[in-house]
Structure formats: C-alpha cells, structure tokens
C-alpha cells in the first residue's frame, strides 16, 4: 500500500448531502469547525463544536439575505486551497462572494463581494 493510499484511508469520508435542502454544512480543515449555509438566501455561519460546552458556538459570517427571491439550493459553497476561505456562489445569477471564517471567536470572519471584472 502506498503512503498516499494509507493517508487517504485515514481520512473520514464526509456524508452525502442532499443539495435540495434549506441548510447544508460544509467541512473545513479545522476538525472543530464547519460552515453552515442557508441555500435559499446565502446567509452563512461558522459553527464551532467541541466536547466542552463553553467551547461550542455559532457565529454569523453573513447575516443578510442576498436575494429577494429565496429558493432552496440557490446558493452553494466551494472550498478553496486557503484553509479559512470559501467562495459562495449564487447559482442563478452567477454572483460570487468570498467567505472567510476565523480560527477562533476573534472577530476575524469576513464576507466580501467578488466583482465581475467583465462588467467594466
């Protein structure tokens, strides 16, 4: 068995998710952090889980709906090579946002529109 095969066998397999649901969880590289997405309107939260109650929390990354026409499955997230960054996509309009979650509850979360350079 190759080293890559051993490493791959050691990684947990994420559960299959139904994409036609209002909320989805997206894994991060941090074992204690997932990102929650409202697929209808683009709202995003960082969710921290832990065995200790005081270390469990949920914090908004984007608390404002991004559309006036919510629809299940309209928004999705794509992981990037940067451990703390996802790209949020409006699958109907093609609009994009950069979603940054923080390594801790230190307020370093961010949410930024990605402008369409071809619109200039």
N, C-alpha and C. Protein backbone atom coordinates (compact mmCIF):
# COMPACT_ATOMS: atom_id res chain seq x y z
N UNK A 1 0.85 -1.18 0.00
CA UNK A 1 0.00 0.00 0.00
C UNK A 1 0.90 1.24 0.00
N UNK A 2 0.57 2.22 -0.83
CA UNK A 2 1.37 3.43 -0.91
C UNK A 2 1.07 4.36 0.26
N UNK A 3 1.98 5.31 0.48
CA UNK A 3 1.78 6.28 1.56
C UNK A 3 0.51 7.09 1.32
N UNK A 4 0.26 7.46 0.05
CA UNK A 4 -0.94 8.24 -0.28
C UNK A 4 -2.21 7.43 0.02
N UNK A 5 -2.19 6.15 -0.27
CA UNK A 5 -3.36 5.30 -0.01
C UNK A 5 -3.60 5.16 1.48
N UNK A 6 -2.52 5.05 2.26
CA UNK A 6 -2.66 4.95 3.71
C UNK A 6 -3.23 6.25 4.26
N UNK A 7 -2.72 7.39 3.79
CA UNK A 7 -3.21 8.69 4.24
C UNK A 7 -4.68 8.87 3.87
N UNK A 8 -5.06 8.48 2.64
CA UNK A 8 -6.45 8.61 2.19
C UNK A 8 -7.38 7.72 3.02
N UNK A 9 -6.92 6.52 3.38
CA UNK A 9 -7.74 5.60 4.17
C UNK A 9 -7.95 6.13 5.58
N UNK A 10 -7.04 6.99 6.04
CA UNK A 10 -7.10 7.54 7.39
C UNK A 10 -8.03 8.74 7.49
N UNK A 11 -8.48 9.28 6.35
CA UNK A 11 -9.33 10.47 6.33
C UNK A 11 -10.80 10.07 6.44
N UNK A 12 -11.58 10.80 7.24
CA UNK A 12 -13.01 10.49 7.33
C UNK A 12 -13.71 10.83 6.02
N UNK A 13 -14.68 10.03 5.66
CA UNK A 13 -15.46 10.27 4.46
C UNK A 13 -16.65 11.15 4.84
N UNK A 14 -16.78 12.34 4.21
CA UNK A 14 -17.91 13.19 4.56
C UNK A 14 -19.23 12.55 4.13
N UNK A 15 -20.29 12.81 4.88
CA UNK A 15 -21.58 12.22 4.50
C UNK A 15 -22.09 12.82 3.19
N UNK A 16 -22.83 12.02 2.42
CA UNK A 16 -23.51 12.51 1.23
C UNK A 16 -24.57 13.48 1.70
N UNK A 17 -24.63 14.65 1.09
CA UNK A 17 -25.63 15.63 1.48
C UNK A 17 -26.64 15.81 0.36
N UNK A 18 -27.89 15.95 0.77
CA UNK A 18 -28.95 16.28 -0.17
C UNK A 18 -28.80 17.76 -0.49
N UNK A 19 -28.63 18.10 -1.76
CA UNK A 19 -28.43 19.51 -2.12
C UNK A 19 -29.74 20.30 -2.20
N UNK A 20 -30.86 19.61 -2.17
CA UNK A 20 -32.16 20.28 -2.27
C UNK A 20 -32.76 20.48 -0.88
N UNK A 21 -31.98 21.09 0.02
CA UNK A 21 -32.43 21.34 1.38
C UNK A 21 -32.11 22.78 1.76
N UNK A 22 -32.83 23.36 2.73
CA UNK A 22 -32.59 24.75 3.10
C UNK A 22 -31.22 25.00 3.73
N UNK A 23 -30.70 24.06 4.52
CA UNK A 23 -29.43 24.26 5.20
C UNK A 23 -28.47 23.12 4.90
N UNK A 24 -27.18 23.49 4.71
CA UNK A 24 -26.13 22.49 4.50
C UNK A 24 -24.92 22.85 5.35
N UNK A 25 -24.17 21.83 5.74
CA UNK A 25 -22.91 22.01 6.46
C UNK A 25 -21.76 21.68 5.52
N UNK A 26 -20.70 22.49 5.60
CA UNK A 26 -19.51 22.29 4.78
C UNK A 26 -18.31 22.14 5.71
N UNK A 27 -17.57 21.04 5.53
CA UNK A 27 -16.38 20.80 6.34
C UNK A 27 -15.31 21.83 6.04
N UNK A 28 -14.50 22.10 7.05
CA UNK A 28 -13.30 22.91 6.90
C UNK A 28 -12.11 22.02 7.25
N UNK A 29 -10.92 22.55 7.12
CA UNK A 29 -9.73 21.79 7.51
C UNK A 29 -9.54 21.75 9.02
N UNK A 30 -10.29 22.56 9.74
CA UNK A 30 -10.24 22.57 11.20
C UNK A 30 -11.21 21.51 11.71
N UNK A 31 -10.71 20.59 12.49
CA UNK A 31 -11.51 19.47 12.96
C UNK A 31 -12.74 19.91 13.77
N UNK A 32 -12.69 21.09 14.40
CA UNK A 32 -13.79 21.55 15.25
C UNK A 32 -14.71 22.57 14.58
N UNK A 33 -14.50 22.87 13.30
CA UNK A 33 -15.26 23.93 12.65
C UNK A 33 -15.93 23.45 11.37
N UNK A 34 -17.20 23.79 11.21
CA UNK A 34 -17.92 23.62 9.95
C UNK A 34 -18.55 24.96 9.59
N UNK A 35 -18.91 25.11 8.34
CA UNK A 35 -19.60 26.32 7.88
C UNK A 35 -21.02 25.91 7.51
N UNK A 36 -22.00 26.64 8.05
CA UNK A 36 -23.42 26.37 7.77
C UNK A 36 -23.92 27.39 6.75
N UNK A 37 -24.62 26.91 5.73
CA UNK A 37 -25.14 27.75 4.66
C UNK A 37 -26.65 27.62 4.57
N UNK A 38 -27.34 28.75 4.48
CA UNK A 38 -28.76 28.76 4.12
C UNK A 38 -28.78 28.81 2.59
N UNK A 39 -29.09 27.69 1.96
CA UNK A 39 -29.02 27.58 0.49
C UNK A 39 -30.08 28.42 -0.21
N UNK A 40 -31.06 28.92 0.55
CA UNK A 40 -32.13 29.72 -0.05
C UNK A 40 -31.72 31.16 -0.29
N UNK A 41 -30.96 31.75 0.68
CA UNK A 41 -30.71 33.19 0.58
C UNK A 41 -29.25 33.60 0.80
N UNK A 42 -28.34 32.63 1.01
CA UNK A 42 -26.93 32.94 1.09
C UNK A 42 -26.40 33.34 2.45
N UNK A 43 -27.20 33.24 3.49
CA UNK A 43 -26.68 33.54 4.83
C UNK A 43 -25.72 32.42 5.24
N UNK A 44 -24.64 32.80 5.98
CA UNK A 44 -23.57 31.85 6.32
C UNK A 44 -23.17 32.03 7.78
N UNK A 45 -22.89 30.90 8.47
CA UNK A 45 -22.45 30.90 9.86
C UNK A 45 -21.23 30.02 10.02
N UNK A 46 -20.39 30.38 10.97
CA UNK A 46 -19.31 29.50 11.41
C UNK A 46 -19.83 28.74 12.62
N UNK A 47 -19.67 27.43 12.62
CA UNK A 47 -20.13 26.59 13.74
C UNK A 47 -18.92 25.90 14.35
N UNK A 48 -18.73 26.12 15.63
CA UNK A 48 -17.62 25.51 16.37
C UNK A 48 -18.23 24.45 17.29
N UNK A 49 -17.78 23.22 17.16
CA UNK A 49 -18.24 22.17 18.06
C UNK A 49 -17.07 21.75 18.94
N UNK A 50 -17.39 21.17 20.09
CA UNK A 50 -16.35 20.73 21.00
C UNK A 50 -16.99 19.83 22.05
N UNK A 51 -16.17 19.08 22.74
CA UNK A 51 -16.68 18.25 23.83
C UNK A 51 -17.00 19.09 25.06
N UNK A 52 -16.40 20.28 25.16
CA UNK A 52 -16.69 21.18 26.27
C UNK A 52 -17.77 22.17 25.85
N UNK A 53 -18.82 22.26 26.64
CA UNK A 53 -19.96 23.13 26.33
C UNK A 53 -19.55 24.57 26.09
N UNK A 54 -18.66 25.11 26.89
CA UNK A 54 -18.28 26.52 26.76
C UNK A 54 -17.52 26.81 25.47
N UNK A 55 -17.05 25.77 24.78
CA UNK A 55 -16.32 25.96 23.52
C UNK A 55 -17.18 25.72 22.28
N UNK A 56 -18.49 25.50 22.48
CA UNK A 56 -19.42 25.33 21.35
C UNK A 56 -20.11 26.65 21.08
N UNK A 57 -20.16 27.04 19.77
CA UNK A 57 -20.84 28.27 19.43
C UNK A 57 -21.13 28.33 17.93
N UNK A 58 -22.00 29.25 17.60
CA UNK A 58 -22.35 29.53 16.20
C UNK A 58 -22.31 31.05 16.04
N UNK A 59 -21.62 31.53 15.00
CA UNK A 59 -21.49 32.97 14.80
C UNK A 59 -21.74 33.30 13.33
N UNK A 60 -22.48 34.37 13.06
CA UNK A 60 -22.77 34.72 11.66
C UNK A 60 -21.51 35.22 10.94
N UNK A 61 -21.38 34.81 9.70
CA UNK A 61 -20.36 35.36 8.80
C UNK A 61 -21.06 36.35 7.88
N UNK A 62 -22.24 35.96 7.41
CA UNK A 62 -23.11 36.87 6.65
C UNK A 62 -24.53 36.66 7.15
N UNK A 63 -25.09 37.66 7.81
CA UNK A 63 -26.44 37.52 8.36
C UNK A 63 -27.51 38.18 7.48
N UNK A 64 -27.11 38.78 6.36
CA UNK A 64 -28.06 39.47 5.47
C UNK A 64 -28.43 38.59 4.28
N UNK A 65 -29.72 38.37 4.03
CA UNK A 65 -30.12 37.62 2.82
C UNK A 65 -29.57 38.33 1.57
N UNK A 66 -29.13 37.54 0.60
CA UNK A 66 -28.52 38.08 -0.62
C UNK A 66 -29.48 38.12 -1.80
N UNK A 67 -30.72 37.75 -1.57
CA UNK A 67 -31.71 37.77 -2.64
C UNK A 67 -33.09 38.07 -2.07
N UNK A 68 -33.96 38.63 -2.90
CA UNK A 68 -35.37 38.83 -2.55
C UNK A 68 -36.21 37.67 -3.06
N UNK A 69 -35.57 36.72 -3.75
CA UNK A 69 -36.26 35.55 -4.31
C UNK A 69 -35.61 34.27 -3.80
N UNK A 70 -35.76 33.97 -2.52
CA UNK A 70 -35.13 32.77 -1.97
C UNK A 70 -35.67 31.50 -2.60
N UNK A 71 -34.77 30.55 -2.79
CA UNK A 71 -35.15 29.26 -3.38
C UNK A 71 -34.16 28.22 -2.87
N UNK A 72 -34.66 27.09 -2.41
CA UNK A 72 -33.80 26.02 -1.91
C UNK A 72 -32.78 25.63 -2.98
N UNK A 73 -31.51 25.56 -2.56
CA UNK A 73 -30.44 25.14 -3.46
C UNK A 73 -29.87 26.25 -4.32
N UNK A 74 -30.35 27.47 -4.15
CA UNK A 74 -29.87 28.58 -4.99
C UNK A 74 -28.40 28.89 -4.73
N UNK A 75 -27.96 28.81 -3.47
CA UNK A 75 -26.59 29.14 -3.10
C UNK A 75 -25.82 27.89 -2.70
N UNK A 76 -24.51 27.89 -3.01
CA UNK A 76 -23.64 26.81 -2.55
C UNK A 76 -22.26 27.39 -2.26
N UNK A 77 -21.45 26.60 -1.56
CA UNK A 77 -20.09 26.99 -1.20
C UNK A 77 -19.08 26.09 -1.89
N UNK A 78 -17.96 26.67 -2.28
CA UNK A 78 -16.83 25.93 -2.82
C UNK A 78 -15.62 26.20 -1.95
N UNK A 79 -14.97 25.12 -1.51
CA UNK A 79 -13.78 25.27 -0.70
C UNK A 79 -12.62 25.71 -1.58
N UNK A 80 -11.73 26.52 -1.04
CA UNK A 80 -10.54 26.96 -1.77
C UNK A 80 -9.32 26.32 -1.12
N UNK A 81 -8.15 26.45 -1.74
CA UNK A 81 -6.93 25.92 -1.10
C UNK A 81 -6.58 26.64 0.21
N UNK A 82 -7.11 27.86 0.41
CA UNK A 82 -6.88 28.58 1.66
C UNK A 82 -7.75 27.96 2.75
N UNK A 83 -7.18 27.53 3.82
CA UNK A 83 -7.89 26.83 4.89
C UNK A 83 -9.09 27.60 5.43
N UNK A 84 -9.04 28.94 5.43
CA UNK A 84 -10.10 29.75 6.03
C UNK A 84 -11.05 30.38 5.02
N UNK A 85 -10.97 30.01 3.74
CA UNK A 85 -11.75 30.72 2.72
C UNK A 85 -12.59 29.77 1.86
N UNK A 86 -13.85 30.17 1.67
CA UNK A 86 -14.76 29.52 0.73
C UNK A 86 -15.22 30.58 -0.28
N UNK A 87 -15.73 30.13 -1.41
CA UNK A 87 -16.39 31.01 -2.37
C UNK A 87 -17.87 30.66 -2.34
N UNK A 88 -18.72 31.66 -2.10
CA UNK A 88 -20.17 31.49 -2.12
C UNK A 88 -20.66 31.85 -3.52
N UNK A 89 -21.49 30.99 -4.10
CA UNK A 89 -21.99 31.20 -5.46
C UNK A 89 -23.50 31.26 -5.46
N UNK A 90 -24.06 32.31 -6.09
CA UNK A 90 -25.49 32.35 -6.40
C UNK A 90 -25.61 31.62 -7.73
N UNK A 91 -26.14 30.42 -7.70
CA UNK A 91 -26.16 29.56 -8.88
C UNK A 91 -27.17 30.02 -9.93
N UNK A 92 -28.01 30.99 -9.59
CA UNK A 92 -28.93 31.55 -10.59
C UNK A 92 -28.36 32.78 -11.27
N UNK A 93 -27.73 33.67 -10.49
CA UNK A 93 -27.23 34.91 -11.08
C UNK A 93 -25.75 34.86 -11.44
N UNK A 94 -25.02 33.93 -10.81
CA UNK A 94 -23.58 33.85 -11.03
C UNK A 94 -22.77 34.76 -10.14
N UNK A 95 -23.43 35.54 -9.26
CA UNK A 95 -22.70 36.42 -8.35
C UNK A 95 -21.85 35.59 -7.39
N UNK A 96 -20.70 36.18 -6.96
CA UNK A 96 -19.75 35.48 -6.10
C UNK A 96 -19.39 36.32 -4.88
N UNK A 97 -19.09 35.64 -3.77
CA UNK A 97 -18.63 36.29 -2.55
C UNK A 97 -17.50 35.45 -1.95
N UNK A 98 -16.56 36.12 -1.33
CA UNK A 98 -15.50 35.45 -0.58
C UNK A 98 -15.97 35.34 0.86
N UNK A 99 -15.91 34.13 1.41
CA UNK A 99 -16.35 33.85 2.78
C UNK A 99 -15.14 33.42 3.59
N UNK A 100 -14.79 34.20 4.61
CA UNK A 100 -13.66 33.86 5.47
C UNK A 100 -14.18 33.52 6.86
N UNK A 101 -13.82 32.36 7.35
CA UNK A 101 -14.12 32.03 8.74
C UNK A 101 -12.82 32.15 9.53
N UNK A 102 -12.94 32.37 10.81
CA UNK A 102 -11.77 32.58 11.67
C UNK A 102 -11.40 31.30 12.39
N UNK A 103 -10.15 31.21 12.80
CA UNK A 103 -9.69 30.05 13.56
C UNK A 103 -10.23 30.02 14.98
N UNK A 104 -10.78 31.10 15.45
CA UNK A 104 -11.36 31.18 16.79
C UNK A 104 -12.41 32.26 16.80
N UNK A 105 -13.01 32.49 17.94
CA UNK A 105 -14.05 33.51 18.03
C UNK A 105 -13.41 34.88 18.26
N UNK A 106 -12.56 35.28 17.29
CA UNK A 106 -11.80 36.52 17.47
C UNK A 106 -12.26 37.64 16.53
N UNK A 107 -13.38 37.47 15.87
CA UNK A 107 -13.91 38.52 15.02
C UNK A 107 -13.21 38.65 13.67
N UNK A 108 -12.38 37.69 13.30
CA UNK A 108 -11.65 37.77 12.03
C UNK A 108 -12.44 37.21 10.85
N UNK A 109 -13.71 36.93 11.08
CA UNK A 109 -14.54 36.45 9.97
C UNK A 109 -14.78 37.59 8.99
N UNK A 110 -14.99 37.25 7.72
CA UNK A 110 -15.24 38.29 6.74
C UNK A 110 -16.09 37.78 5.59
N UNK A 111 -16.76 38.72 4.94
CA UNK A 111 -17.66 38.39 3.83
C UNK A 111 -17.54 39.52 2.82
N UNK A 112 -17.08 39.19 1.59
CA UNK A 112 -16.77 40.21 0.60
C UNK A 112 -17.32 39.84 -0.77
N UNK A 113 -17.98 40.79 -1.43
CA UNK A 113 -18.44 40.56 -2.80
C UNK A 113 -17.23 40.47 -3.71
N UNK A 114 -17.30 39.58 -4.70
CA UNK A 114 -16.26 39.48 -5.72
C UNK A 114 -16.83 40.13 -6.96
N UNK A 115 -16.26 41.27 -7.38
CA UNK A 115 -16.82 41.98 -8.52
C UNK A 115 -16.59 41.23 -9.83
N UNK A 116 -17.51 41.38 -10.75
CA UNK A 116 -17.40 40.79 -12.09
C UNK A 116 -16.54 41.71 -12.93
N UNK A 117 -15.30 41.33 -13.18
CA UNK A 117 -14.35 42.17 -13.93
C UNK A 117 -14.78 42.39 -15.37
N UNK A 118 -15.57 41.46 -15.91
CA UNK A 118 -16.01 41.62 -17.31
C UNK A 118 -17.13 42.65 -17.45
N UNK A 119 -17.69 43.09 -16.31
CA UNK A 119 -18.77 44.08 -16.34
C UNK A 119 -18.26 45.50 -16.62
N UNK A 120 -16.94 45.69 -16.53
CA UNK A 120 -16.35 47.03 -16.77
C UNK A 120 -16.32 47.39 -18.24
